[in-house]
C-alpha cells in the first residue's frame, strides 16, 4: 500500500544539473537505473547511458542530448524510490525541463513519449536560435521588479527579458546577445551583487523561442496526456491542471514564458508542504528552495548515500 503524504513534494531539476558520470554510483548498486536509460536509448536510437557515463561534456551538453538524459535520470531516481519506499508525495513540480520529468513520474505522460518530446524540444530550441545569437545571464542581488525594469530599458529594438524567477535575489535573463549584455551592465549599475553570463547555447523561456513553441505544439497535440496522479504545479502559471489540453498549452507556453520557480515553491509551502525532495542529479534546486521556504525541510537524492539518507528519514 502506497501512502500519499500531503506535506511532501518531489521536485525535478532541469537543464544545467547534468554532469558526465551522474548517477553512476546509483547505477553500480541498482541495475534499475541502467534499465531506465536503456529504455530511453531504444526510443532515441543511440546509447544514452554511454553519453552520460563516459561521453564528453561537450556531447552531454548538446541540448538534444541533455534533455532526454536529465529526464531519464530523474525518472530513474523516482522509480528507485518507488521500489524501496511506500511513501509518495502529494505534490510535484519540475524546473523548466524538469516539468516533463514530473509529468512522467505523476503518470500523466508515458516515459517513452516524454523522451520523444524532450528530444524534439531540445532540437527545436537549438534550431530556433542560431549559435551566437542568444544568451542568458544570472542576476544576483536585485528585486524581481528591478530586473524586469532593467530588461525593458536595455531591450531597445531587440529581445531581453527576465525568464527564470529562481529564488529571492536570483533571476535569470535571456534574449539577444547584445541586449543581454546591455542588461548586465544596467543590472550592475542598479546595484546587483553579481552578474554572470551563463554557458548555454539557447536563450530559453524568452520570445526568441516562440517559433520552437509552435513546432513543439504540433508534437504535443499528437501525444497522449492524462491527469497527473499528484498535484503538479506548472512553471508558467503556478497552477495545477487536470485537462490534457490545458497541460499541453502550459508546456507550449513554458518554452517562451518565464519559469516562476520561487512562486511555485512558495505556493506549495503555503498549501502545507513542509518537506521538499529534489529528485535527480545535482543539488541546484535544494539551494534555491532553502531560500524560498526557509522553515521547510529540504532533501536531495543524487547518489546512493543521499538515497539511503532520505529513505531512512521519510520511511520513519
C-alpha atoms as a PDB file:
ATOM      1  CA  UNK A   1       0.000   0.000   0.000  1.00  0.00           C
ATOM      2  CA  UNK A   2       1.404   3.388  -1.024  1.00  0.00           C
ATOM      3  CA  UNK A   3       0.893   6.319   1.305  1.00  0.00           C
ATOM      4  CA  UNK A   4       0.490   9.728  -0.323  1.00  0.00           C
ATOM      5  CA  UNK A   5       1.830  12.310   2.091  1.00  0.00           C
ATOM      6  CA  UNK A   6       0.135  15.701   1.857  1.00  0.00           C
ATOM      7  CA  UNK A   7       3.041  17.727   3.251  1.00  0.00           C
ATOM      8  CA  UNK A   8       5.609  16.165   0.894  1.00  0.00           C
ATOM      9  CA  UNK A   9       6.677  17.428  -2.559  1.00  0.00           C
ATOM     10  CA  UNK A  10       9.126  15.878  -5.021  1.00  0.00           C
ATOM     11  CA  UNK A  11      10.735  18.347  -7.415  1.00  0.00           C
ATOM     12  CA  UNK A  12      12.834  17.652 -10.504  1.00  0.00           C
ATOM     13  CA  UNK A  13      15.808  19.646 -11.822  1.00  0.00           C
ATOM     14  CA  UNK A  14      16.221  20.883 -15.376  1.00  0.00           C
ATOM     15  CA  UNK A  15      18.994  21.592 -17.805  1.00  0.00           C
ATOM     16  CA  UNK A  16      22.188  22.719 -16.097  1.00  0.00           C
ATOM     17  CA  UNK A  17      22.235  19.989 -13.444  1.00  0.00           C
ATOM     18  CA  UNK A  18      23.759  17.428 -15.806  1.00  0.00           C
ATOM     19  CA  UNK A  19      27.338  16.194 -15.468  1.00  0.00           C
ATOM     20  CA  UNK A  20      29.352  13.375 -17.013  1.00  0.00           C
ATOM     21  CA  UNK A  21      29.238  10.454 -14.575  1.00  0.00           C
ATOM     22  CA  UNK A  22      25.927  11.444 -12.972  1.00  0.00           C
ATOM     23  CA  UNK A  23      24.114   8.544 -11.279  1.00  0.00           C
ATOM     24  CA  UNK A  24      26.990   6.097 -11.938  1.00  0.00           C
ATOM     25  CA  UNK A  25      27.218   5.386  -8.205  1.00  0.00           C
ATOM     26  CA  UNK A  26      23.492   4.580  -8.033  1.00  0.00           C
ATOM     27  CA  UNK A  27      23.673   2.532 -11.235  1.00  0.00           C
ATOM     28  CA  UNK A  28      26.509   0.415  -9.814  1.00  0.00           C
ATOM     29  CA  UNK A  29      24.281  -0.567  -6.873  1.00  0.00           C
ATOM     30  CA  UNK A  30      20.887  -0.619  -8.536  1.00  0.00           C
ATOM     31  CA  UNK A  31      20.603  -2.099 -12.079  1.00  0.00           C
ATOM     32  CA  UNK A  32      17.178  -0.451 -12.433  1.00  0.00           C
ATOM     33  CA  UNK A  33      18.945   2.847 -13.160  1.00  0.00           C
ATOM     34  CA  UNK A  34      20.669   1.435 -16.248  1.00  0.00           C
ATOM     35  CA  UNK A  35      17.393  -0.152 -17.330  1.00  0.00           C
ATOM     36  CA  UNK A  36      15.669   3.260 -17.479  1.00  0.00           C
ATOM     37  CA  UNK A  37      18.477   4.600 -19.674  1.00  0.00           C
ATOM     38  CA  UNK A  38      18.240   1.526 -21.896  1.00  0.00           C
ATOM     39  CA  UNK A  39      14.557   2.256 -22.451  1.00  0.00           C
ATOM     40  CA  UNK A  40      15.438   5.831 -23.369  1.00  0.00           C
ATOM     41  CA  UNK A  41      18.185   4.610 -25.717  1.00  0.00           C
ATOM     42  CA  UNK A  42      15.698   2.371 -27.507  1.00  0.00           C
ATOM     43  CA  UNK A  43      13.488   5.410 -28.162  1.00  0.00           C
ATOM     44  CA  UNK A  44      16.365   7.623 -29.306  1.00  0.00           C
ATOM     45  CA  UNK A  45      18.290   5.028 -31.301  1.00  0.00           C
ATOM     46  CA  UNK A  46      21.559   5.820 -29.520  1.00  0.00           C
ATOM     47  CA  UNK A  47      23.303   4.777 -26.289  1.00  0.00           C
ATOM     48  CA  UNK A  48      22.260   7.490 -23.841  1.00  0.00           C
ATOM     49  CA  UNK A  49      23.960   5.843 -20.853  1.00  0.00           C
ATOM     50  CA  UNK A  50      27.281   5.845 -22.691  1.00  0.00           C
ATOM     51  CA  UNK A  51      26.934   9.601 -23.298  1.00  0.00           C
ATOM     52  CA  UNK A  52      26.084  10.175 -19.615  1.00  0.00           C
ATOM     53  CA  UNK A  53      28.674   7.883 -18.063  1.00  0.00           C
ATOM     54  CA  UNK A  54      31.693   8.167 -20.330  1.00  0.00           C
ATOM     55  CA  UNK A  55      30.991  10.766 -23.015  1.00  0.00           C
ATOM     56  CA  UNK A  56      32.474  14.236 -23.226  1.00  0.00           C
ATOM     57  CA  UNK A  57      30.958  17.268 -21.512  1.00  0.00           C
ATOM     58  CA  UNK A  58      30.502  18.825 -24.931  1.00  0.00           C
ATOM     59  CA  UNK A  59      28.427  15.867 -26.132  1.00  0.00           C
ATOM     60  CA  UNK A  60      26.297  15.691 -22.974  1.00  0.00           C
ATOM     61  CA  UNK A  61      25.728  19.451 -23.019  1.00  0.00           C
ATOM     62  CA  UNK A  62      24.251  19.381 -26.503  1.00  0.00           C
ATOM     63  CA  UNK A  63      20.636  20.305 -25.819  1.00  0.00           C
ATOM     64  CA  UNK A  64      19.167  17.357 -27.730  1.00  0.00           C
ATOM     65  CA  UNK A  65      21.237  15.007 -25.505  1.00  0.00           C
ATOM     66  CA  UNK A  66      20.919  16.923 -22.230  1.00  0.00           C
ATOM     67  CA  UNK A  67      17.145  16.982 -22.153  1.00  0.00           C
ATOM     68  CA  UNK A  68      16.471  13.223 -22.538  1.00  0.00           C
ATOM     69  CA  UNK A  69      19.441  12.461 -20.250  1.00  0.00           C
ATOM     70  CA  UNK A  70      18.031  14.638 -17.474  1.00  0.00           C
ATOM     71  CA  UNK A  71      14.528  13.226 -17.881  1.00  0.00           C
ATOM     72  CA  UNK A  72      15.849   9.648 -17.762  1.00  0.00           C
ATOM     73  CA  UNK A  73      17.940  10.471 -14.687  1.00  0.00           C
ATOM     74  CA  UNK A  74      15.009  11.946 -12.784  1.00  0.00           C
ATOM     75  CA  UNK A  75      12.721   9.059 -13.700  1.00  0.00           C
ATOM     76  CA  UNK A  76      15.407   6.520 -12.700  1.00  0.00           C
ATOM     77  CA  UNK A  77      15.694   8.049  -9.227  1.00  0.00           C
ATOM     78  CA  UNK A  78      11.896   8.224  -8.894  1.00  0.00           C
ATOM     79  CA  UNK A  79      11.400   4.577  -9.929  1.00  0.00           C
ATOM     80  CA  UNK A  80      14.126   3.533  -7.483  1.00  0.00           C
ATOM     81  CA  UNK A  81      12.333   5.464  -4.759  1.00  0.00           C
ATOM     82  CA  UNK A  82       9.001   3.811  -5.593  1.00  0.00           C
ATOM     83  CA  UNK A  83      10.575   0.351  -5.433  1.00  0.00           C
ATOM     84  CA  UNK A  84      12.097   0.905  -1.985  1.00  0.00           C
ATOM     85  CA  UNK A  85       9.511   3.125  -0.287  1.00  0.00           C
ATOM     86  CA  UNK A  86       5.733   3.205   0.033  1.00  0.00           C
ATOM     87  CA  UNK A  87       5.826   6.954   0.761  1.00  0.00           C
ATOM     88  CA  UNK A  88       4.506   9.080  -2.111  1.00  0.00           C
ATOM     89  CA  UNK A  89       4.406  12.875  -2.417  1.00  0.00           C
ATOM     90  CA  UNK A  90       1.071  14.600  -2.865  1.00  0.00           C
ATOM     91  CA  UNK A  91       2.807  17.371  -4.819  1.00  0.00           C
ATOM     92  CA  UNK A  92       5.221  17.557  -7.749  1.00  0.00           C
ATOM     93  CA  UNK A  93       6.917  20.235  -9.796  1.00  0.00           C
ATOM     94  CA  UNK A  94       9.893  20.477 -12.124  1.00  0.00           C
ATOM     95  CA  UNK A  95      12.152  23.353 -13.085  1.00  0.00           C
ATOM     96  CA  UNK A  96      11.780  24.023 -16.825  1.00  0.00           C
ATOM     97  CA  UNK A  97      12.700  20.693 -18.471  1.00  0.00           C
ATOM     98  CA  UNK A  98      12.069  19.064 -15.077  1.00  0.00           C
ATOM     99  CA  UNK A  99       8.360  19.680 -15.557  1.00  0.00           C
ATOM    100  CA  UNK A 100       8.364  16.908 -18.175  1.00  0.00           C
ATOM    101  CA  UNK A 101      10.041  14.585 -15.653  1.00  0.00           C
ATOM    102  CA  UNK A 102       7.327  15.443 -13.129  1.00  0.00           C
ATOM    103  CA  UNK A 103       4.646  14.665 -15.720  1.00  0.00           C
ATOM    104  CA  UNK A 104       6.175  11.237 -16.380  1.00  0.00           C
ATOM    105  CA  UNK A 105       6.565  10.460 -12.673  1.00  0.00           C
ATOM    106  CA  UNK A 106       2.981  11.554 -11.949  1.00  0.00           C
ATOM    107  CA  UNK A 107       1.812   9.185 -14.715  1.00  0.00           C
ATOM    108  CA  UNK A 108       0.391  11.959 -16.889  1.00  0.00           C
ATOM    109  CA  UNK A 109       2.872  11.148 -19.651  1.00  0.00           C
ATOM    110  CA  UNK A 110       4.447   7.843 -20.661  1.00  0.00           C
ATOM    111  CA  UNK A 111       8.229   7.594 -20.299  1.00  0.00           C
ATOM    112  CA  UNK A 112       8.691   6.877 -23.999  1.00  0.00           C
ATOM    113  CA  UNK A 113       6.553   9.849 -25.039  1.00  0.00           C
ATOM    114  CA  UNK A 114       8.395  12.024 -22.538  1.00  0.00           C
ATOM    115  CA  UNK A 115      11.761  11.072 -24.045  1.00  0.00           C
ATOM    116  CA  UNK A 116      10.487  11.764 -27.564  1.00  0.00           C
ATOM    117  CA  UNK A 117       9.070  15.135 -26.542  1.00  0.00           C
ATOM    118  CA  UNK A 118      12.156  16.446 -24.755  1.00  0.00           C
ATOM    119  CA  UNK A 119      14.477  15.240 -27.510  1.00  0.00           C
ATOM    120  CA  UNK A 120      12.325  17.156 -30.002  1.00  0.00           C
ATOM    121  CA  UNK A 121      12.131  20.123 -27.610  1.00  0.00           C
ATOM    122  CA  UNK A 122      15.914  20.294 -27.389  1.00  0.00           C
ATOM    123  CA  UNK A 123      16.327  20.064 -31.147  1.00  0.00           C
ATOM    124  CA  UNK A 124      13.664  22.697 -31.856  1.00  0.00           C
ATOM    125  CA  UNK A 125      15.139  25.087 -29.285  1.00  0.00           C
ATOM    126  CA  UNK A 126      18.571  24.786 -30.873  1.00  0.00           C
ATOM    127  CA  UNK A 127      17.168  25.278 -34.381  1.00  0.00           C
ATOM    128  CA  UNK A 128      15.146  28.353 -33.348  1.00  0.00           C
ATOM    129  CA  UNK A 129      18.178  30.473 -32.474  1.00  0.00           C
ATOM    130  CA  UNK A 130      21.485  30.032 -34.342  1.00  0.00           C
ATOM    131  CA  UNK A 131      24.660  29.777 -32.210  1.00  0.00           C
ATOM    132  CA  UNK A 132      25.939  33.185 -31.124  1.00  0.00           C
ATOM    133  CA  UNK A 133      22.568  34.943 -31.458  1.00  0.00           C
ATOM    134  CA  UNK A 134      21.160  34.355 -27.973  1.00  0.00           C
ATOM    135  CA  UNK A 135      22.478  34.453 -24.420  1.00  0.00           C
ATOM    136  CA  UNK A 136      21.415  34.033 -20.788  1.00  0.00           C
ATOM    137  CA  UNK A 137      22.757  35.625 -17.614  1.00  0.00           C
ATOM    138  CA  UNK A 138      22.102  35.283 -13.881  1.00  0.00           C
ATOM    139  CA  UNK A 139      21.430  38.468 -11.926  1.00  0.00           C
ATOM    140  CA  UNK A 140      22.044  38.187  -8.181  1.00  0.00           C
ATOM    141  CA  UNK A 141      21.046  40.647  -5.505  1.00  0.00           C
ATOM    142  CA  UNK A 142      18.235  42.629  -7.148  1.00  0.00           C
ATOM    143  CA  UNK A 143      14.477  42.525  -6.584  1.00  0.00           C
ATOM    144  CA  UNK A 144      12.413  40.868  -9.305  1.00  0.00           C
ATOM    145  CA  UNK A 145      10.837  44.165 -10.379  1.00  0.00           C
ATOM    146  CA  UNK A 146      14.279  45.768 -10.711  1.00  0.00           C
ATOM    147  CA  UNK A 147      15.432  43.033 -13.089  1.00  0.00           C
ATOM    148  CA  UNK A 148      12.232  43.354 -15.134  1.00  0.00           C
ATOM    149  CA  UNK A 149      12.803  47.126 -15.473  1.00  0.00           C
ATOM    150  CA  UNK A 150      16.478  46.657 -16.369  1.00  0.00           C
ATOM    151  CA  UNK A 151      15.429  44.348 -19.218  1.00  0.00           C
ATOM    152  CA  UNK A 152      12.751  46.723 -20.502  1.00  0.00           C
ATOM    153  CA  UNK A 153      15.226  49.603 -20.531  1.00  0.00           C
ATOM    154  CA  UNK A 154      18.010  47.556 -22.148  1.00  0.00           C
ATOM    155  CA  UNK A 155      15.968  45.870 -24.885  1.00  0.00           C
ATOM    156  CA  UNK A 156      15.923  48.764 -27.386  1.00  0.00           C
ATOM    157  CA  UNK A 157      14.934  47.052 -30.666  1.00  0.00           C
ATOM    158  CA  UNK A 158      15.985  43.586 -29.503  1.00  0.00           C
ATOM    159  CA  UNK A 159      14.728  40.968 -27.036  1.00  0.00           C
ATOM    160  CA  UNK A 160      15.824  40.569 -23.430  1.00  0.00           C
ATOM    161  CA  UNK A 161      13.581  39.581 -20.525  1.00  0.00           C
ATOM    162  CA  UNK A 162      13.550  38.044 -17.073  1.00  0.00           C
ATOM    163  CA  UNK A 163      12.951  34.335 -17.674  1.00  0.00           C
ATOM    164  CA  UNK A 164      13.730  32.372 -14.500  1.00  0.00           C
ATOM    165  CA  UNK A 165      12.500  33.730 -11.178  1.00  0.00           C
ATOM    166  CA  UNK A 166      14.525  31.165  -9.250  1.00  0.00           C
ATOM    167  CA  UNK A 167      14.593  32.474  -5.687  1.00  0.00           C
ATOM    168  CA  UNK A 168      14.618  35.810  -3.855  1.00  0.00           C
ATOM    169  CA  UNK A 169      17.565  37.716  -5.269  1.00  0.00           C
ATOM    170  CA  UNK A 170      18.262  35.321  -8.152  1.00  0.00           C
ATOM    171  CA  UNK A 171      16.754  35.981 -11.559  1.00  0.00           C
ATOM    172  CA  UNK A 172      17.973  34.734 -14.943  1.00  0.00           C
ATOM    173  CA  UNK A 173      17.570  36.867 -18.066  1.00  0.00           C
ATOM    174  CA  UNK A 174      17.629  35.768 -21.716  1.00  0.00           C
ATOM    175  CA  UNK A 175      17.474  37.230 -25.195  1.00  0.00           C
ATOM    176  CA  UNK A 176      19.681  38.567 -27.972  1.00  0.00           C
ATOM    177  CA  UNK A 177      23.372  38.679 -27.048  1.00  0.00           C
ATOM    178  CA  UNK A 178      23.798  42.458 -27.271  1.00  0.00           C
ATOM    179  CA  UNK A 179      20.592  43.140 -25.345  1.00  0.00           C
ATOM    180  CA  UNK A 180      21.609  40.697 -22.595  1.00  0.00           C
ATOM    181  CA  UNK A 181      24.996  42.415 -22.361  1.00  0.00           C
ATOM    182  CA  UNK A 182      23.314  45.829 -22.046  1.00  0.00           C
ATOM    183  CA  UNK A 183      21.030  44.457 -19.336  1.00  0.00           C
ATOM    184  CA  UNK A 184      24.004  43.004 -17.454  1.00  0.00           C
ATOM    185  CA  UNK A 185      25.722  46.403 -17.394  1.00  0.00           C
ATOM    186  CA  UNK A 186      22.490  48.075 -16.296  1.00  0.00           C
ATOM    187  CA  UNK A 187      21.987  45.495 -13.541  1.00  0.00           C
ATOM    188  CA  UNK A 188      25.457  46.215 -12.180  1.00  0.00           C
ATOM    189  CA  UNK A 189      24.717  49.939 -12.254  1.00  0.00           C
ATOM    190  CA  UNK A 190      21.443  49.293 -10.412  1.00  0.00           C
ATOM    191  CA  UNK A 191      23.299  47.518  -7.604  1.00  0.00           C
ATOM    192  CA  UNK A 192      23.365  43.821  -8.474  1.00  0.00           C
ATOM    193  CA  UNK A 193      25.780  41.906  -6.242  1.00  0.00           C
ATOM    194  CA  UNK A 194      26.834  39.622  -9.072  1.00  0.00           C
ATOM    195  CA  UNK A 195      26.112  39.266 -12.778  1.00  0.00           C
ATOM    196  CA  UNK A 196      27.125  36.020 -14.510  1.00  0.00           C
ATOM    197  CA  UNK A 197      26.922  35.171 -18.212  1.00  0.00           C
ATOM    198  CA  UNK A 198      25.741  31.559 -18.400  1.00  0.00           C
ATOM    199  CA  UNK A 199      27.407  28.937 -20.565  1.00  0.00           C
ATOM    200  CA  UNK A 200      24.363  27.936 -22.612  1.00  0.00           C
ATOM    201  CA  UNK A 201      23.712  27.716 -26.324  1.00  0.00           C
ATOM    202  CA  UNK A 202      19.991  28.509 -26.228  1.00  0.00           C
ATOM    203  CA  UNK A 203      18.168  31.552 -24.729  1.00  0.00           C
ATOM    204  CA  UNK A 204      15.352  29.625 -23.045  1.00  0.00           C
ATOM    205  CA  UNK A 205      11.952  30.942 -21.945  1.00  0.00           C
ATOM    206  CA  UNK A 206      12.039  34.206 -23.891  1.00  0.00           C
ATOM    207  CA  UNK A 207      10.251  35.412 -27.026  1.00  0.00           C
ATOM    208  CA  UNK A 208      13.053  34.045 -29.234  1.00  0.00           C
ATOM    209  CA  UNK A 209      11.587  30.592 -28.512  1.00  0.00           C
ATOM    210  CA  UNK A 210       8.102  31.294 -29.894  1.00  0.00           C
ATOM    211  CA  UNK A 211       8.827  29.596 -33.233  1.00  0.00           C
ATOM    212  CA  UNK A 212      10.091  26.498 -31.404  1.00  0.00           C
ATOM    213  CA  UNK A 213       6.961  26.509 -29.219  1.00  0.00           C
ATOM    214  CA  UNK A 214       4.679  26.448 -32.272  1.00  0.00           C
ATOM    215  CA  UNK A 215       6.507  23.427 -33.675  1.00  0.00           C
ATOM    216  CA  UNK A 216       6.562  21.697 -30.277  1.00  0.00           C
ATOM    217  CA  UNK A 217       2.811  22.236 -30.017  1.00  0.00           C
ATOM    218  CA  UNK A 218       2.324  20.062 -33.105  1.00  0.00           C
ATOM    219  CA  UNK A 219       4.089  17.216 -31.288  1.00  0.00           C
ATOM    220  CA  UNK A 220       2.148  17.852 -28.088  1.00  0.00           C
ATOM    221  CA  UNK A 221      -1.165  17.606 -29.948  1.00  0.00           C
ATOM    222  CA  UNK A 222      -0.201  14.090 -31.052  1.00  0.00           C
ATOM    223  CA  UNK A 223       0.892  12.971 -27.572  1.00  0.00           C
ATOM    224  CA  UNK A 224      -1.406  11.245 -25.075  1.00  0.00           C
ATOM    225  CA  UNK A 225      -1.538  13.180 -21.802  1.00  0.00           C
ATOM    226  CA  UNK A 226      -3.557  12.064 -18.767  1.00  0.00           C
ATOM    227  CA  UNK A 227      -4.490  13.716 -15.491  1.00  0.00           C
ATOM    228  CA  UNK A 228      -1.488  13.632 -13.111  1.00  0.00           C
ATOM    229  CA  UNK A 229      -1.792  11.313 -10.090  1.00  0.00           C
ATOM    230  CA  UNK A 230      -0.251  14.025  -7.880  1.00  0.00           C
ATOM    231  CA  UNK A 231      -0.978  17.749  -7.735  1.00  0.00           C
ATOM    232  CA  UNK A 232       1.536  19.029 -10.274  1.00  0.00           C
ATOM    233  CA  UNK A 233       2.362  22.739 -10.256  1.00  0.00           C
ATOM    234  CA  UNK A 234       3.262  24.175 -13.659  1.00  0.00           C
ATOM    235  CA  UNK A 235       6.050  26.713 -14.189  1.00  0.00           C
ATOM    236  CA  UNK A 236       4.119  29.112 -16.352  1.00  0.00           C
ATOM    237  CA  UNK A 237       1.079  29.844 -14.176  1.00  0.00           C
ATOM    238  CA  UNK A 238       1.840  28.298 -10.723  1.00  0.00           C
ATOM    239  CA  UNK A 239      -1.303  26.180 -11.011  1.00  0.00           C
ATOM    240  CA  UNK A 240      -2.287  22.534 -11.312  1.00  0.00           C
ATOM    241  CA  UNK A 241      -4.311  21.256 -14.252  1.00  0.00           C
ATOM    242  CA  UNK A 242      -6.222  18.057 -14.977  1.00  0.00           C
ATOM    243  CA  UNK A 243      -7.403  18.662 -18.546  1.00  0.00           C
ATOM    244  CA  UNK A 244      -4.920  17.349 -21.153  1.00  0.00           C
ATOM    245  CA  UNK A 245      -5.440  20.313 -23.490  1.00  0.00           C
ATOM    246  CA  UNK A 246      -4.615  22.766 -20.687  1.00  0.00           C
ATOM    247  CA  UNK A 247      -1.465  20.806 -19.790  1.00  0.00           C
ATOM    248  CA  UNK A 248      -0.394  20.845 -23.447  1.00  0.00           C
ATOM    249  CA  UNK A 249      -0.858  24.607 -23.573  1.00  0.00           C
ATOM    250  CA  UNK A 250       1.139  25.073 -20.363  1.00  0.00           C
ATOM    251  CA  UNK A 251       4.029  23.092 -21.882  1.00  0.00           C
ATOM    252  CA  UNK A 252       3.892  25.107 -25.091  1.00  0.00           C
ATOM    253  CA  UNK A 253       3.845  28.443 -23.252  1.00  0.00           C
ATOM    254  CA  UNK A 254       6.604  27.321 -20.895  1.00  0.00           C
ATOM    255  CA  UNK A 255       9.054  27.420 -23.805  1.00  0.00           C
ATOM    256  CA  UNK A 256       8.764  31.192 -24.282  1.00  0.00           C
ATOM    257  CA  UNK A 257       7.406  32.438 -20.935  1.00  0.00           C
ATOM    258  CA  UNK A 258       9.183  32.725 -17.556  1.00  0.00           C
ATOM    259  CA  UNK A 259       9.755  29.873 -15.120  1.00  0.00           C
ATOM    260  CA  UNK A 260       8.114  31.032 -11.888  1.00  0.00           C
ATOM    261  CA  UNK A 261      10.036  28.695  -9.620  1.00  0.00           C
ATOM    262  CA  UNK A 262      10.072  30.837  -6.476  1.00  0.00           C
ATOM    263  CA  UNK A 263       6.293  31.314  -6.716  1.00  0.00           C
ATOM    264  CA  UNK A 264       5.786  27.575  -7.264  1.00  0.00           C
ATOM    265  CA  UNK A 265       7.739  26.560  -4.146  1.00  0.00           C
ATOM    266  CA  UNK A 266       6.081  29.302  -2.099  1.00  0.00           C
ATOM    267  CA  UNK A 267       2.636  28.197  -3.274  1.00  0.00           C
ATOM    268  CA  UNK A 268       3.212  24.569  -2.266  1.00  0.00           C
ATOM    269  CA  UNK A 269       4.674  25.674   1.067  1.00  0.00           C
ATOM    270  CA  UNK A 270       1.626  27.894   1.672  1.00  0.00           C
ATOM    271  CA  UNK A 271      -0.604  24.885   0.951  1.00  0.00           C
ATOM    272  CA  UNK A 272       1.072  22.910   3.738  1.00  0.00           C
ATOM    273  CA  UNK A 273       4.160  21.305   2.152  1.00  0.00           C
ATOM    274  CA  UNK A 274       6.843  21.066   4.833  1.00  0.00           C
ATOM    275  CA  UNK A 275       9.330  18.791   3.048  1.00  0.00           C
ATOM    276  CA  UNK A 276      10.775  19.183  -0.456  1.00  0.00           C
ATOM    277  CA  UNK A 277      12.828  16.400  -2.046  1.00  0.00           C
ATOM    278  CA  UNK A 278      14.920  17.139  -5.128  1.00  0.00           C
ATOM    279  CA  UNK A 279      14.855  14.007  -7.235  1.00  0.00           C
ATOM    280  CA  UNK A 280      17.667  13.712  -9.763  1.00  0.00           C
ATOM    281  CA  UNK A 281      21.311  14.598 -10.390  1.00  0.00           C
ATOM    282  CA  UNK A 282      22.887  17.645  -8.822  1.00  0.00           C
ATOM    283  CA  UNK A 283      21.787  19.856  -5.964  1.00  0.00           C
ATOM    284  CA  UNK A 284      20.757  23.027  -7.796  1.00  0.00           C
ATOM    285  CA  UNK A 285      17.156  23.129  -6.599  1.00  0.00           C
ATOM    286  CA  UNK A 286      17.810  22.461  -2.930  1.00  0.00           C
ATOM    287  CA  UNK A 287      19.860  25.666  -2.729  1.00  0.00           C
ATOM    288  CA  UNK A 288      17.049  27.689  -4.294  1.00  0.00           C
ATOM    289  CA  UNK A 289      14.307  26.018  -2.274  1.00  0.00           C
ATOM    290  CA  UNK A 290      16.020  26.701   1.049  1.00  0.00           C
ATOM    291  CA  UNK A 291      15.936  30.415   0.283  1.00  0.00           C
ATOM    292  CA  UNK A 292      12.256  30.334  -0.703  1.00  0.00           C
ATOM    293  CA  UNK A 293      10.754  28.122   2.047  1.00  0.00           C
ATOM    294  CA  UNK A 294      13.220  28.707   4.855  1.00  0.00           C
ATOM    295  CA  UNK A 295      11.358  26.807   7.572  1.00  0.00           C
ATOM    296  CA  UNK A 296      10.701  23.662   5.488  1.00  0.00           C
ATOM    297  CA  UNK A 297      12.870  20.540   5.331  1.00  0.00           C
ATOM    298  CA  UNK A 298      14.891  20.154   2.146  1.00  0.00           C
ATOM    299  CA  UNK A 299      16.412  16.925   0.849  1.00  0.00           C
ATOM    300  CA  UNK A 300      18.151  15.867  -2.338  1.00  0.00           C
ATOM    301  CA  UNK A 301      18.605  12.410  -3.899  1.00  0.00           C
ATOM    302  CA  UNK A 302      21.531  12.231  -6.334  1.00  0.00           C
ATOM    303  CA  UNK A 303      23.653   9.216  -5.270  1.00  0.00           C
ATOM    304  CA  UNK A 304      23.388   6.063  -3.159  1.00  0.00           C
ATOM    305  CA  UNK A 305      24.323   7.791   0.099  1.00  0.00           C
ATOM    306  CA  UNK A 306      21.742  10.565  -0.273  1.00  0.00           C
ATOM    307  CA  UNK A 307      19.160   7.995  -1.411  1.00  0.00           C
ATOM    308  CA  UNK A 308      19.641   5.924   1.745  1.00  0.00           C
ATOM    309  CA  UNK A 309      19.547   9.007   3.976  1.00  0.00           C
ATOM    310  CA  UNK A 310      16.221  10.211   2.532  1.00  0.00           C
ATOM    311  CA  UNK A 311      14.809   6.671   2.653  1.00  0.00           C
ATOM    312  CA  UNK A 312      15.619   6.438   6.341  1.00  0.00           C
ATOM    313  CA  UNK A 313      14.226   9.885   7.091  1.00  0.00           C
ATOM    314  CA  UNK A 314      10.936   9.551   5.227  1.00  0.00           C
ATOM    315  CA  UNK A 315      10.215   5.882   5.874  1.00  0.00           C
ATOM    316  CA  UNK A 316      10.406   6.628   9.575  1.00  0.00           C
END
